[in-house]
Amino acid sequence: VVFAFDSVPAVLGISDDTFVIYTSNIFAILGLRSLYFVIADAIGTLRFLQPSLALVLGFIALKMIFAVVGVQVSTKLSLGFVLLILSGGVGLSYLYPAAKEEVKENEDEL
């Protein structure tokens, strides 16, 4: 929730239409809340999802560093990479499921 409110000034610097900015942030907050519960449940059962999310965050950090240096990464390449990593993590989790004891330990941690 704090992340969504924190992004309001940044979005205001990009757009002049405050109605669109605030309504998009409200919907983002609502979506993030429900998405959190979906991901929290999925991490307990999909053992390769958490490392996949870490790789995606690392890629985003590299993309931001590249942007500062002046190297642009295309949107299609970025979306393709994110889709490949996340679907690979989910696919590997289904191909190599965790043992029942490991799933129980992961659910207890959440």
C-alpha atoms as a PDB file:
ATOM      1  CA  VAL A   1       0.000   0.000   0.000  1.00  0.00           C
ATOM      2  CA  VAL A   2       2.841   2.389   0.880  1.00  0.00           C
ATOM      3  CA  PHE A   3       4.488   1.632  -2.470  1.00  0.00           C
ATOM      4  CA  ALA A   4       1.336   2.627  -4.350  1.00  0.00           C
ATOM      5  CA  PHE A   5       0.989   5.896  -2.419  1.00  0.00           C
ATOM      6  CA  ASP A   6       4.685   6.590  -2.816  1.00  0.00           C
ATOM      7  CA  SER A   7       4.382   6.333  -6.597  1.00  0.00           C
ATOM      8  CA  VAL A   8       1.774   9.130  -6.821  1.00  0.00           C
ATOM      9  CA  PRO A   9       4.341  11.992  -6.954  1.00  0.00           C
ATOM     10  CA  ALA A  10       6.397  10.101  -9.538  1.00  0.00           C
ATOM     11  CA  VAL A  11       3.349   9.584 -11.750  1.00  0.00           C
ATOM     12  CA  LEU A  12       2.357  13.226 -11.318  1.00  0.00           C
ATOM     13  CA  GLY A  13       5.705  14.139 -12.826  1.00  0.00           C
ATOM     14  CA  ILE A  14       4.835  12.133 -15.943  1.00  0.00           C
ATOM     15  CA  SER A  15       1.149  12.940 -16.488  1.00  0.00           C
ATOM     16  CA  ASP A  16      -1.042  15.994 -15.931  1.00  0.00           C
ATOM     17  CA  ASP A  17      -4.372  14.179 -15.594  1.00  0.00           C
ATOM     18  CA  THR A  18      -4.729  13.771 -11.818  1.00  0.00           C
ATOM     19  CA  PHE A  19      -8.007  11.832 -12.077  1.00  0.00           C
ATOM     20  CA  VAL A  20      -6.344   9.087 -14.116  1.00  0.00           C
ATOM     21  CA  ILE A  21      -3.316   9.061 -11.825  1.00  0.00           C
ATOM     22  CA  TYR A  22      -5.258   8.664  -8.589  1.00  0.00           C
ATOM     23  CA  THR A  23      -7.780   6.167  -9.921  1.00  0.00           C
ATOM     24  CA  SER A  24      -4.981   4.039 -11.388  1.00  0.00           C
ATOM     25  CA  ASN A  25      -3.211   4.056  -8.032  1.00  0.00           C
ATOM     26  CA  ILE A  26      -6.403   3.098  -6.208  1.00  0.00           C
ATOM     27  CA  PHE A  27      -6.898   0.151  -8.540  1.00  0.00           C
ATOM     28  CA  ALA A  28      -3.216  -0.722  -8.115  1.00  0.00           C
ATOM     29  CA  ILE A  29      -3.651  -0.851  -4.350  1.00  0.00           C
ATOM     30  CA  LEU A  30      -6.699  -3.107  -4.663  1.00  0.00           C
ATOM     31  CA  GLY A  31      -4.906  -5.350  -7.148  1.00  0.00           C
ATOM     32  CA  LEU A  32      -1.701  -5.557  -5.102  1.00  0.00           C
ATOM     33  CA  ARG A  33      -3.625  -6.627  -2.013  1.00  0.00           C
ATOM     34  CA  SER A  34      -5.283  -9.570  -3.719  1.00  0.00           C
ATOM     35  CA  LEU A  35      -2.151 -10.416  -5.706  1.00  0.00           C
ATOM     36  CA  TYR A  36      -0.184 -10.604  -2.445  1.00  0.00           C
ATOM     37  CA  PHE A  37      -2.415 -13.379  -1.114  1.00  0.00           C
ATOM     38  CA  VAL A  38      -2.210 -15.300  -4.399  1.00  0.00           C
ATOM     39  CA  ILE A  39       1.592 -15.111  -4.469  1.00  0.00           C
ATOM     40  CA  ALA A  40       1.917 -15.921  -0.751  1.00  0.00           C
ATOM     41  CA  ASP A  41      -0.148 -19.068  -1.280  1.00  0.00           C
ATOM     42  CA  ALA A  42       1.691 -19.991  -4.476  1.00  0.00           C
ATOM     43  CA  ILE A  43       5.137 -19.646  -2.878  1.00  0.00           C
ATOM     44  CA  GLY A  44       4.131 -22.320  -0.375  1.00  0.00           C
ATOM     45  CA  THR A  45       3.363 -24.840  -3.109  1.00  0.00           C
ATOM     46  CA  LEU A  46       5.562 -23.745  -6.034  1.00  0.00           C
ATOM     47  CA  ARG A  47       9.099 -24.152  -4.745  1.00  0.00           C
ATOM     48  CA  PHE A  48      10.812 -22.458  -7.699  1.00  0.00           C
ATOM     49  CA  LEU A  49       8.558 -19.382  -7.727  1.00  0.00           C
ATOM     50  CA  GLN A  50      10.528 -17.438  -5.140  1.00  0.00           C
ATOM     51  CA  PRO A  51      13.889 -17.814  -6.959  1.00  0.00           C
ATOM     52  CA  SER A  52      12.104 -16.893 -10.204  1.00  0.00           C
ATOM     53  CA  LEU A  53      10.752 -13.703  -8.638  1.00  0.00           C
ATOM     54  CA  ALA A  54      14.258 -12.901  -7.364  1.00  0.00           C
ATOM     55  CA  LEU A  55      15.629 -13.271 -10.907  1.00  0.00           C
ATOM     56  CA  VAL A  56      12.920 -10.971 -12.253  1.00  0.00           C
ATOM     57  CA  LEU A  57      13.727  -8.328  -9.626  1.00  0.00           C
ATOM     58  CA  GLY A  58      17.427  -8.661 -10.473  1.00  0.00           C
ATOM     59  CA  PHE A  59      16.642  -8.174 -14.158  1.00  0.00           C
ATOM     60  CA  ILE A  60      14.614  -5.060 -13.374  1.00  0.00           C
ATOM     61  CA  ALA A  61      17.510  -3.683 -11.320  1.00  0.00           C
ATOM     62  CA  LEU A  62      19.914  -4.320 -14.207  1.00  0.00           C
ATOM     63  CA  LYS A  63      17.487  -2.682 -16.618  1.00  0.00           C
ATOM     64  CA  MET A  64      17.364   0.413 -14.410  1.00  0.00           C
ATOM     65  CA  ILE A  65      21.170   0.530 -14.236  1.00  0.00           C
ATOM     66  CA  PHE A  66      21.387   0.154 -18.017  1.00  0.00           C
ATOM     67  CA  ALA A  67      18.942   3.054 -18.428  1.00  0.00           C
ATOM     68  CA  VAL A  68      21.182   5.312 -16.327  1.00  0.00           C
ATOM     69  CA  VAL A  69      24.193   4.364 -18.473  1.00  0.00           C
ATOM     70  CA  GLY A  70      22.201   4.991 -21.648  1.00  0.00           C
ATOM     71  CA  VAL A  71      21.518   1.437 -22.813  1.00  0.00           C
ATOM     72  CA  GLN A  72      17.838   0.836 -23.587  1.00  0.00           C
ATOM     73  CA  VAL A  73      16.280  -2.604 -23.227  1.00  0.00           C
ATOM     74  CA  SER A  74      13.212  -3.039 -25.410  1.00  0.00           C
ATOM     75  CA  THR A  75       9.817  -3.625 -23.864  1.00  0.00           C
ATOM     76  CA  LYS A  76       9.256  -6.810 -25.851  1.00  0.00           C
ATOM     77  CA  LEU A  77      12.562  -8.242 -24.649  1.00  0.00           C
ATOM     78  CA  SER A  78      11.736  -7.323 -21.049  1.00  0.00           C
ATOM     79  CA  LEU A  79       8.263  -8.853 -21.150  1.00  0.00           C
ATOM     80  CA  GLY A  80       9.603 -11.957 -22.874  1.00  0.00           C
ATOM     81  CA  PHE A  81      12.300 -12.396 -20.238  1.00  0.00           C
ATOM     82  CA  VAL A  82       9.851 -11.947 -17.355  1.00  0.00           C
ATOM     83  CA  LEU A  83       7.368 -14.365 -18.940  1.00  0.00           C
ATOM     84  CA  LEU A  84      10.106 -16.922 -19.608  1.00  0.00           C
ATOM     85  CA  ILE A  85      11.494 -16.774 -16.069  1.00  0.00           C
ATOM     86  CA  LEU A  86       8.124 -16.906 -14.306  1.00  0.00           C
ATOM     87  CA  SER A  87       6.691 -19.655 -16.507  1.00  0.00           C
ATOM     88  CA  GLY A  88       9.959 -21.568 -16.156  1.00  0.00           C
ATOM     89  CA  GLY A  89       9.744 -21.344 -12.370  1.00  0.00           C
ATOM     90  CA  VAL A  90       6.136 -22.534 -12.354  1.00  0.00           C
ATOM     91  CA  GLY A  91       6.900 -25.291 -14.861  1.00  0.00           C
ATOM     92  CA  LEU A  92       9.905 -26.535 -12.897  1.00  0.00           C
ATOM     93  CA  SER A  93       7.803 -26.517  -9.729  1.00  0.00           C
ATOM     94  CA  TYR A  94       5.279 -28.822 -11.388  1.00  0.00           C
ATOM     95  CA  LEU A  95       7.969 -31.048 -12.907  1.00  0.00           C
ATOM     96  CA  TYR A  96       9.914 -31.338  -9.646  1.00  0.00           C
ATOM     97  CA  PRO A  97       7.409 -30.856  -6.820  1.00  0.00           C
ATOM     98  CA  ALA A  98       8.592 -30.385  -3.258  1.00  0.00           C
ATOM     99  CA  ALA A  99       8.306 -33.184  -0.731  1.00  0.00           C
ATOM    100  CA  LYS A 100       5.226 -33.091   1.497  1.00  0.00           C
ATOM    101  CA  GLU A 101       7.344 -32.160   4.542  1.00  0.00           C
ATOM    102  CA  GLU A 102       8.921 -29.218   2.669  1.00  0.00           C
ATOM    103  CA  VAL A 103       5.506 -27.883   1.630  1.00  0.00           C
ATOM    104  CA  LYS A 104       4.300 -28.126   5.237  1.00  0.00           C
ATOM    105  CA  GLU A 105       7.394 -26.203   6.472  1.00  0.00           C
ATOM    106  CA  ASN A 106       6.862 -23.470   3.842  1.00  0.00           C
ATOM    107  CA  GLU A 107       3.204 -23.034   4.835  1.00  0.00           C
ATOM    108  CA  ASP A 108       4.174 -22.805   8.509  1.00  0.00           C
ATOM    109  CA  GLU A 109       6.650 -19.996   7.740  1.00  0.00           C
ATOM    110  CA  LEU A 110       3.948 -17.867   6.076  1.00  0.00           C
END
